[in-house]
N, C-alpha and C. Protein backbone atom coordinates (compact mmCIF):
# COMPACT_ATOMS: atom_id res chain seq x y z
N UNK A 1 -11.69 13.47 11.50
CA UNK A 1 -11.18 11.98 10.74
C UNK A 1 -10.19 11.71 9.54
N UNK A 2 -9.64 11.66 9.27
CA UNK A 2 -8.51 11.29 7.84
C UNK A 2 -8.87 10.25 7.31
N UNK A 3 -8.97 10.65 5.89
CA UNK A 3 -8.78 9.43 5.35
C UNK A 3 -7.25 8.80 4.17
N UNK A 4 -7.76 7.66 4.14
CA UNK A 4 -6.21 7.51 3.47
C UNK A 4 -6.38 6.29 2.67
N UNK A 5 -5.58 6.04 1.16
CA UNK A 5 -5.40 4.73 0.49
C UNK A 5 -4.87 4.18 0.92
N UNK A 6 -4.52 2.63 0.98
CA UNK A 6 -3.77 1.58 1.67
C UNK A 6 -3.54 0.52 1.15
N UNK A 7 -2.63 0.01 0.13
CA UNK A 7 -2.85 -1.01 -0.68
C UNK A 7 -1.96 -2.44 -0.30
N UNK A 8 -2.36 -3.63 -0.48
CA UNK A 8 -1.23 -4.58 -0.36
C UNK A 8 -1.03 -5.01 -1.42
N UNK A 9 0.31 -5.01 -1.65
CA UNK A 9 0.67 -5.47 -2.71
C UNK A 9 0.93 -6.90 -2.98
N UNK A 10 1.21 -7.57 -3.81
CA UNK A 10 0.97 -8.78 -4.58
C UNK A 10 1.62 -9.98 -3.93
N UNK A 11 2.83 -9.44 -3.42
CA UNK A 11 3.48 -10.68 -2.46
C UNK A 11 2.88 -10.11 -0.61
N UNK A 12 2.21 -9.27 -0.45
CA UNK A 12 1.18 -9.62 0.89
C UNK A 12 0.09 -10.64 0.29
N UNK A 13 -0.74 -10.21 -0.37
CA UNK A 13 -1.94 -11.40 -1.04
C UNK A 13 -0.99 -13.17 -1.36
N UNK A 14 0.10 -13.06 -1.64
CA UNK A 14 0.71 -14.65 -2.22
C UNK A 14 0.96 -14.83 -0.80
N UNK A 15 2.16 -13.94 -0.38
CA UNK A 15 2.10 -14.90 1.09
C UNK A 15 1.57 -14.57 2.45
N UNK A 16 -0.04 -15.02 2.09
CA UNK A 16 -1.48 -15.32 2.61
C UNK A 16 -0.98 -14.50 4.28
N UNK A 17 -0.79 -12.92 3.74
CA UNK A 17 -0.58 -11.76 4.97
C UNK A 17 -1.75 -10.72 4.95
N UNK A 18 -2.86 -11.15 3.97
CA UNK A 18 -3.69 -10.26 4.07
C UNK A 18 -4.56 -9.84 5.50
N UNK A 19 -5.40 -10.86 6.21
CA UNK A 19 -5.85 -10.77 7.59
C UNK A 19 -4.75 -10.24 8.82
N UNK A 20 -3.62 -11.03 8.46
CA UNK A 20 -2.60 -10.73 9.67
C UNK A 20 -2.58 -8.97 9.06
N UNK A 21 -2.18 -8.30 8.64
CA UNK A 21 -2.13 -6.65 8.30
C UNK A 21 -3.05 -6.04 8.39
N UNK A 22 -4.43 -6.74 7.89
CA UNK A 22 -5.86 -5.97 8.43
C UNK A 22 -5.80 -6.22 9.94
N UNK A 23 -5.44 -7.33 10.50
CA UNK A 23 -5.53 -7.13 11.92
C UNK A 23 -5.01 -5.67 12.66
N UNK A 24 -3.87 -6.00 11.89
CA UNK A 24 -2.85 -4.75 12.83
C UNK A 24 -3.55 -3.60 12.20
N UNK A 25 -3.90 -3.14 11.43
CA UNK A 25 -4.33 -2.59 11.24
C UNK A 25 -5.45 -1.82 12.48
N UNK A 26 -6.09 -2.91 12.08
CA UNK A 26 -7.73 -2.28 12.99
C UNK A 26 -7.03 -2.44 14.53
N UNK A 27 -6.46 -3.26 14.94
CA UNK A 27 -5.95 -3.19 16.30
C UNK A 27 -5.28 -1.76 16.94
N UNK A 28 -4.59 -1.55 15.98
CA UNK A 28 -3.95 0.23 15.79
C UNK A 28 -5.42 1.07 16.24
N UNK A 29 -6.65 0.57 15.36
CA UNK A 29 -7.11 1.48 15.67
C UNK A 29 -7.95 2.63 14.90
N UNK A 30 -7.97 1.80 13.60
CA UNK A 30 -8.09 2.74 12.15
C UNK A 30 -9.23 1.99 11.79
N UNK A 31 -10.15 2.44 10.95
CA UNK A 31 -11.07 1.85 10.79
C UNK A 31 -10.99 1.78 9.11
N UNK A 32 -11.55 0.62 8.71
CA UNK A 32 -11.13 0.13 7.58
C UNK A 32 -12.73 0.77 6.68
N UNK A 33 -12.93 2.07 6.07
CA UNK A 33 -14.18 2.38 5.84
C UNK A 33 -14.75 1.48 4.37
N UNK A 34 -13.89 0.86 3.60
CA UNK A 34 -13.85 0.46 2.05
C UNK A 34 -12.78 -0.44 2.08
N UNK A 35 -13.15 -1.74 1.13
CA UNK A 35 -11.64 -2.97 0.58
C UNK A 35 -11.89 -3.48 -0.39
N UNK A 36 -11.55 -4.03 -1.36
CA UNK A 36 -11.74 -4.39 -2.45
C UNK A 36 -10.43 -5.06 -3.02
N UNK A 37 -10.54 -6.31 -3.50
CA UNK A 37 -9.38 -7.38 -3.59
C UNK A 37 -9.66 -6.97 -5.63
N UNK A 38 -8.06 -6.35 -6.22
CA UNK A 38 -8.62 -6.46 -7.58
C UNK A 38 -6.89 -7.00 -8.80
N UNK A 39 -6.72 -6.69 -9.45
CA UNK A 39 -5.85 -7.27 -10.32
C UNK A 39 -5.18 -5.46 -11.18
N UNK A 40 -4.20 -4.71 -11.14
CA UNK A 40 -4.22 -3.80 -11.63
C UNK A 40 -3.28 -4.22 -13.00
N UNK A 41 -3.36 -3.00 -13.71
CA UNK A 41 -2.87 -2.99 -15.64
C UNK A 41 -1.82 -1.95 -15.40
N UNK A 42 -1.07 -2.14 -16.75
CA UNK A 42 0.20 -1.14 -16.98
C UNK A 42 -0.28 0.17 -16.88
N UNK A 43 -1.62 0.48 -17.47
CA UNK A 43 -2.12 1.88 -17.51
C UNK A 43 -1.93 2.17 -16.55
N UNK A 44 -3.27 1.81 -15.52
CA UNK A 44 -3.32 1.90 -14.43
C UNK A 44 -1.82 2.53 -13.42
N UNK A 45 -1.34 1.25 -13.44
CA UNK A 45 0.19 1.83 -13.12
C UNK A 45 1.83 3.05 -13.34
N UNK A 46 0.90 3.49 -14.53
CA UNK A 46 1.68 4.40 -15.25
C UNK A 46 1.20 5.33 -14.91
N UNK A 47 -0.16 5.46 -14.54
CA UNK A 47 -0.70 6.55 -13.91
C UNK A 47 -0.54 7.23 -12.13
N UNK A 48 -0.85 5.57 -11.50
CA UNK A 48 -0.38 6.00 -10.41
C UNK A 48 1.05 5.87 -9.55
N UNK A 49 2.36 5.58 -10.93
CA UNK A 49 3.74 5.39 -10.40
C UNK A 49 4.08 6.64 -11.90
N UNK A 50 3.38 7.25 -11.99
CA UNK A 50 3.96 8.40 -13.03
C UNK A 50 5.67 9.23 -12.35
N UNK A 51 5.37 9.33 -11.33
CA UNK A 51 6.59 10.09 -11.19
C UNK A 51 8.70 9.13 -10.96
N UNK A 52 7.68 7.95 -11.09
CA UNK A 52 8.93 6.84 -11.50
C UNK A 52 8.69 6.14 -13.06
N UNK A 53 7.86 6.53 -13.71
CA UNK A 53 7.28 5.51 -15.06
C UNK A 53 8.75 5.77 -16.28
N UNK A 54 9.05 6.98 -16.47
CA UNK A 54 10.49 7.42 -17.31
C UNK A 54 11.37 6.39 -16.30
N UNK A 55 11.40 6.18 -15.28
CA UNK A 55 13.02 5.34 -15.12
C UNK A 55 13.01 3.79 -15.73
N UNK A 56 14.26 3.67 -15.64
CA UNK A 56 15.07 2.51 -16.07
C UNK A 56 14.09 1.10 -15.66
N UNK A 57 14.18 1.17 -14.06
CA UNK A 57 13.41 0.39 -13.02
C UNK A 57 12.17 0.06 -13.43
N UNK A 58 11.39 1.01 -14.22
CA UNK A 58 9.69 0.73 -13.77
C UNK A 58 9.45 -0.48 -14.75
N UNK A 59 9.95 -1.22 -15.89
CA UNK A 59 9.54 -2.43 -16.21
C UNK A 59 9.60 -3.49 -14.85
N UNK A 60 10.16 -3.32 -14.07
CA UNK A 60 9.95 -4.14 -13.29
C UNK A 60 9.50 -3.93 -12.13
N UNK A 61 9.10 -2.50 -11.89
CA UNK A 61 7.73 -2.28 -10.77
C UNK A 61 6.79 -2.94 -11.83
N UNK A 62 6.50 -2.56 -12.76
CA UNK A 62 4.95 -3.25 -13.53
C UNK A 62 5.31 -4.99 -12.90
N UNK A 63 6.02 -5.22 -13.33
CA UNK A 63 6.07 -6.97 -13.45
C UNK A 63 5.29 -7.55 -12.17
N UNK A 64 6.10 -6.40 -10.63
CA UNK A 64 5.64 -7.34 -10.06
C UNK A 64 4.55 -7.06 -9.35
N UNK A 65 4.35 -5.63 -9.61
CA UNK A 65 2.54 -5.06 -9.15
C UNK A 65 1.59 -5.61 -10.23
N UNK A 66 2.29 -6.35 -11.77
CA UNK A 66 0.65 -7.20 -12.22
C UNK A 66 1.25 -8.44 -11.78
N UNK A 67 1.84 -9.61 -11.04
CA UNK A 67 1.97 -10.68 -10.77
C UNK A 67 1.10 -11.21 -10.31
N UNK A 68 -0.42 -10.68 -9.26
CA UNK A 68 -1.01 -11.27 -8.30
C UNK A 68 -2.13 -10.13 -7.99
N UNK A 69 -3.18 -10.34 -7.58
CA UNK A 69 -3.90 -9.34 -7.04
C UNK A 69 -3.45 -8.33 -6.10
N UNK A 70 -3.97 -7.58 -6.07
CA UNK A 70 -3.50 -6.28 -4.56
C UNK A 70 -5.12 -6.05 -3.95
N UNK A 71 -4.95 -5.32 -2.70
CA UNK A 71 -6.32 -5.64 -2.05
C UNK A 71 -5.85 -3.75 -1.58
N UNK A 72 -7.17 -2.65 -2.01
CA UNK A 72 -7.44 -1.69 -2.14
C UNK A 72 -7.77 -1.30 -0.96
N UNK A 73 -7.63 -0.25 0.29
CA UNK A 73 -8.63 -0.03 1.03
C UNK A 73 -8.40 1.94 1.19
N UNK A 74 -9.91 2.02 1.97
CA UNK A 74 -9.57 2.71 2.29
C UNK A 74 -10.00 3.38 3.63
N UNK A 75 -8.44 3.74 4.55
CA UNK A 75 -8.90 3.47 5.79
C UNK A 75 -8.65 4.94 6.37
N UNK A 76 -9.54 5.31 7.88
CA UNK A 76 -10.01 6.35 8.28
C UNK A 76 -9.36 6.29 9.34
N UNK A 77 -8.85 7.43 10.62
CA UNK A 77 -8.53 7.30 11.28
C UNK A 77 -8.31 8.91 11.98
N UNK A 78 -7.71 9.17 12.92
CA UNK A 78 -6.73 10.61 13.80
C UNK A 78 -5.85 10.36 13.32
N UNK A 79 -4.58 11.20 12.29
CA UNK A 79 -3.75 11.15 11.73
C UNK A 79 -3.79 9.81 10.85
N UNK A 80 -4.55 9.45 9.72
CA UNK A 80 -4.54 8.33 9.35
C UNK A 80 -3.24 8.39 8.13
N UNK A 81 -2.98 9.05 7.76
CA UNK A 81 -1.79 9.13 6.70
C UNK A 81 -0.61 9.37 7.24
N UNK A 82 -0.46 10.01 8.13
CA UNK A 82 1.06 10.04 9.03
C UNK A 82 1.40 8.94 9.69
N UNK A 83 0.25 8.22 10.28
CA UNK A 83 0.41 6.97 11.07
C UNK A 83 0.40 5.91 10.45
N UNK A 84 -0.45 5.82 9.71
CA UNK A 84 -0.41 4.53 8.45
C UNK A 84 1.15 4.36 7.85
N UNK A 85 1.88 5.63 7.85
CA UNK A 85 3.06 5.87 7.34
C UNK A 85 4.06 5.32 8.25
N UNK A 86 4.21 5.41 8.89
CA UNK A 86 4.79 5.33 10.24
C UNK A 86 4.44 3.89 10.61
N UNK A 87 3.49 3.18 10.70
CA UNK A 87 3.22 2.08 10.93
C UNK A 87 3.39 0.51 10.17
N UNK A 88 3.78 1.65 8.25
CA UNK A 88 4.37 0.42 7.62
C UNK A 88 5.13 0.70 7.74
N UNK A 89 6.49 1.48 8.17
CA UNK A 89 7.71 1.52 8.14
C UNK A 89 8.07 1.88 6.69
N UNK A 90 9.67 2.38 7.09
CA UNK A 90 10.15 2.70 5.93
C UNK A 90 10.01 1.70 4.63
N UNK A 91 10.14 1.95 3.32
CA UNK A 91 10.25 1.28 2.27
C UNK A 91 11.42 0.12 2.18
N UNK A 92 12.54 1.01 2.54
CA UNK A 92 13.84 -0.19 2.53
C UNK A 92 13.56 -1.39 3.94
N UNK A 93 13.68 -2.15 3.19
CA UNK A 93 13.24 -3.09 4.30
C UNK A 93 14.47 -3.36 5.91
N UNK A 94 15.02 -3.35 5.66
CA UNK A 94 16.35 -3.27 6.23
C UNK A 94 16.57 -1.58 7.47
N UNK A 95 15.86 -0.54 6.95
CA UNK A 95 15.82 0.31 8.01
C UNK A 95 14.46 0.42 8.68
N UNK A 96 13.88 -0.66 8.07
CA UNK A 96 12.22 -0.92 8.78
C UNK A 96 12.17 -1.45 10.22
N UNK A 97 11.88 -0.69 11.64
CA UNK A 97 12.04 -1.42 12.55
C UNK A 97 11.37 -2.30 13.16
N UNK A 98 11.30 -2.64 13.33
CA UNK A 98 10.53 -4.08 14.04
C UNK A 98 9.24 -3.94 14.75
N UNK A 99 8.05 -4.21 14.59
CA UNK A 99 6.74 -3.51 15.06
C UNK A 99 6.45 -3.29 13.53
N UNK A 100 6.96 -2.40 12.85
CA UNK A 100 6.19 -2.35 11.45
C UNK A 100 6.35 -3.05 10.63
N UNK A 101 4.93 -3.01 9.64
CA UNK A 101 4.70 -4.23 8.48
C UNK A 101 5.79 -4.77 7.61
N UNK A 102 6.50 -3.71 7.58
CA UNK A 102 7.94 -3.50 6.28
C UNK A 102 8.73 -4.77 7.06
N UNK A 103 9.14 -3.85 8.92
CA UNK A 103 10.23 -4.65 9.84
C UNK A 103 9.70 -5.98 10.24
N UNK A 104 8.69 -6.16 10.07
CA UNK A 104 8.18 -7.27 10.42
C UNK A 104 8.07 -8.59 9.79
N UNK A 105 7.83 -7.99 8.34
CA UNK A 105 7.03 -9.42 7.21
C UNK A 105 7.98 -8.97 6.43
N UNK A 106 8.90 -7.90 5.74
CA UNK A 106 9.83 -7.64 4.73
C UNK A 106 10.77 -8.46 4.44
N UNK A 107 11.46 -9.43 3.02
CA UNK A 107 12.16 -9.63 3.08
C UNK A 107 13.11 -9.11 1.90
N UNK A 108 12.99 -8.10 1.31
CA UNK A 108 13.91 -7.56 -0.32
C UNK A 108 12.34 -6.23 -0.12
N UNK A 109 13.76 -4.96 -1.00
CA UNK A 109 12.99 -3.63 -1.39
C UNK A 109 12.02 -3.93 -2.21
N UNK A 110 12.45 -4.59 -3.17
CA UNK A 110 11.50 -4.47 -4.15
C UNK A 110 9.95 -5.44 -3.59
N UNK A 111 9.91 -6.13 -3.10
CA UNK A 111 8.45 -7.00 -2.41
C UNK A 111 8.62 -6.03 -0.83
N UNK A 112 7.53 -5.00 -0.91
CA UNK A 112 7.72 -4.78 0.43
C UNK A 112 6.25 -4.44 0.32
N UNK A 113 5.83 -5.41 -0.05
CA UNK A 113 4.28 -5.86 1.50
C UNK A 113 3.39 -4.38 0.96
N UNK A 114 3.23 -3.33 1.20
CA UNK A 114 1.89 -2.21 1.16
C UNK A 114 2.92 -0.61 1.10
N UNK A 115 1.54 -0.19 0.38
CA UNK A 115 1.50 1.24 -0.24
C UNK A 115 0.14 2.24 0.71
N UNK A 116 1.53 3.42 0.91
CA UNK A 116 0.29 4.20 2.10
C UNK A 116 0.14 5.49 0.88
N UNK A 117 -0.84 6.24 1.29
CA UNK A 117 -0.84 7.53 0.49
C UNK A 117 0.25 8.35 1.25
N UNK A 118 1.09 9.17 0.64
CA UNK A 118 1.95 10.53 1.22
C UNK A 118 1.38 12.42 1.78
N UNK A 119 0.30 12.11 1.55
CA UNK A 119 -0.60 13.79 1.90
C UNK A 119 -1.77 13.69 1.21
N UNK A 120 -2.68 14.51 2.41
CA UNK A 120 -3.89 14.31 2.11
C UNK A 120 -4.40 14.48 0.88
N UNK A 121 -3.49 15.50 -0.26
CA UNK A 121 -4.01 15.43 -1.46
C UNK A 121 -3.42 14.23 -2.40
N UNK A 122 -2.72 13.32 -2.30
CA UNK A 122 -2.43 11.85 -2.85
C UNK A 122 -3.56 11.01 -1.97
N UNK A 123 -3.42 11.19 -0.92
CA UNK A 123 -4.74 10.05 -0.66
C UNK A 123 -6.27 10.69 -1.27
N UNK A 124 -6.22 11.30 -1.80
CA UNK A 124 -7.99 12.07 -2.76
C UNK A 124 -7.63 11.36 -4.17
N UNK A 125 -6.59 11.79 -4.69
CA UNK A 125 -6.19 11.41 -5.99
C UNK A 125 -6.66 9.79 -5.98
N UNK A 126 -5.31 9.26 -4.71
CA UNK A 126 -5.53 7.75 -5.40
C UNK A 126 -7.11 6.76 -4.80
N UNK A 127 -7.70 7.86 -3.44
CA UNK A 127 -9.16 6.86 -3.07
C UNK A 127 -9.92 7.25 -4.81
N UNK A 128 -9.74 8.32 -5.40
CA UNK A 128 -11.02 8.04 -6.38
C UNK A 128 -10.60 7.45 -7.57
N UNK A 129 -8.86 7.50 -7.82
CA UNK A 129 -8.42 6.09 -8.50
C UNK A 129 -8.51 5.29 -8.70
N UNK A 130 -8.47 4.36 -7.21
CA UNK A 130 -9.04 2.97 -7.39
C UNK A 130 -10.31 2.88 -6.73
N UNK A 131 -11.12 3.97 -6.39
CA UNK A 131 -12.71 3.32 -5.44
C UNK A 131 -13.49 4.41 -6.53
N UNK A 132 -13.10 5.43 -7.01
CA UNK A 132 -13.84 6.30 -8.09
C UNK A 132 -14.56 6.86 -6.79
N UNK A 133 -14.29 7.00 -5.59
CA UNK A 133 -14.77 8.31 -4.76
C UNK A 133 -13.98 9.69 -4.28
């Protein structure tokens, strides 16, 4: 059983897609082990997005990610990390095929609905960062 961190971003919450996305995750066969809605601070975003914090577009990321609440989840299942990333679709919405979350619901690259951990190491860090476990 593998665990991953999934976050529904402010646009998913604002557009009323929480239930639809959660339903799709569960129908895919994954288990949501924990979930909470919360708001992000600039300091946690600097930690979470440390790899891009010095990039010129980072202030836009902060503006977007603090524009409303997010929903964080610990998702469990066989090959949950790779499986969820495939299910989410590529970050660039025009590259995301139909049937993926981004392919079906994204309207632009900046507001791309969902985040998922990219490795077991990252998942452990992100789960600890947002859930303290």
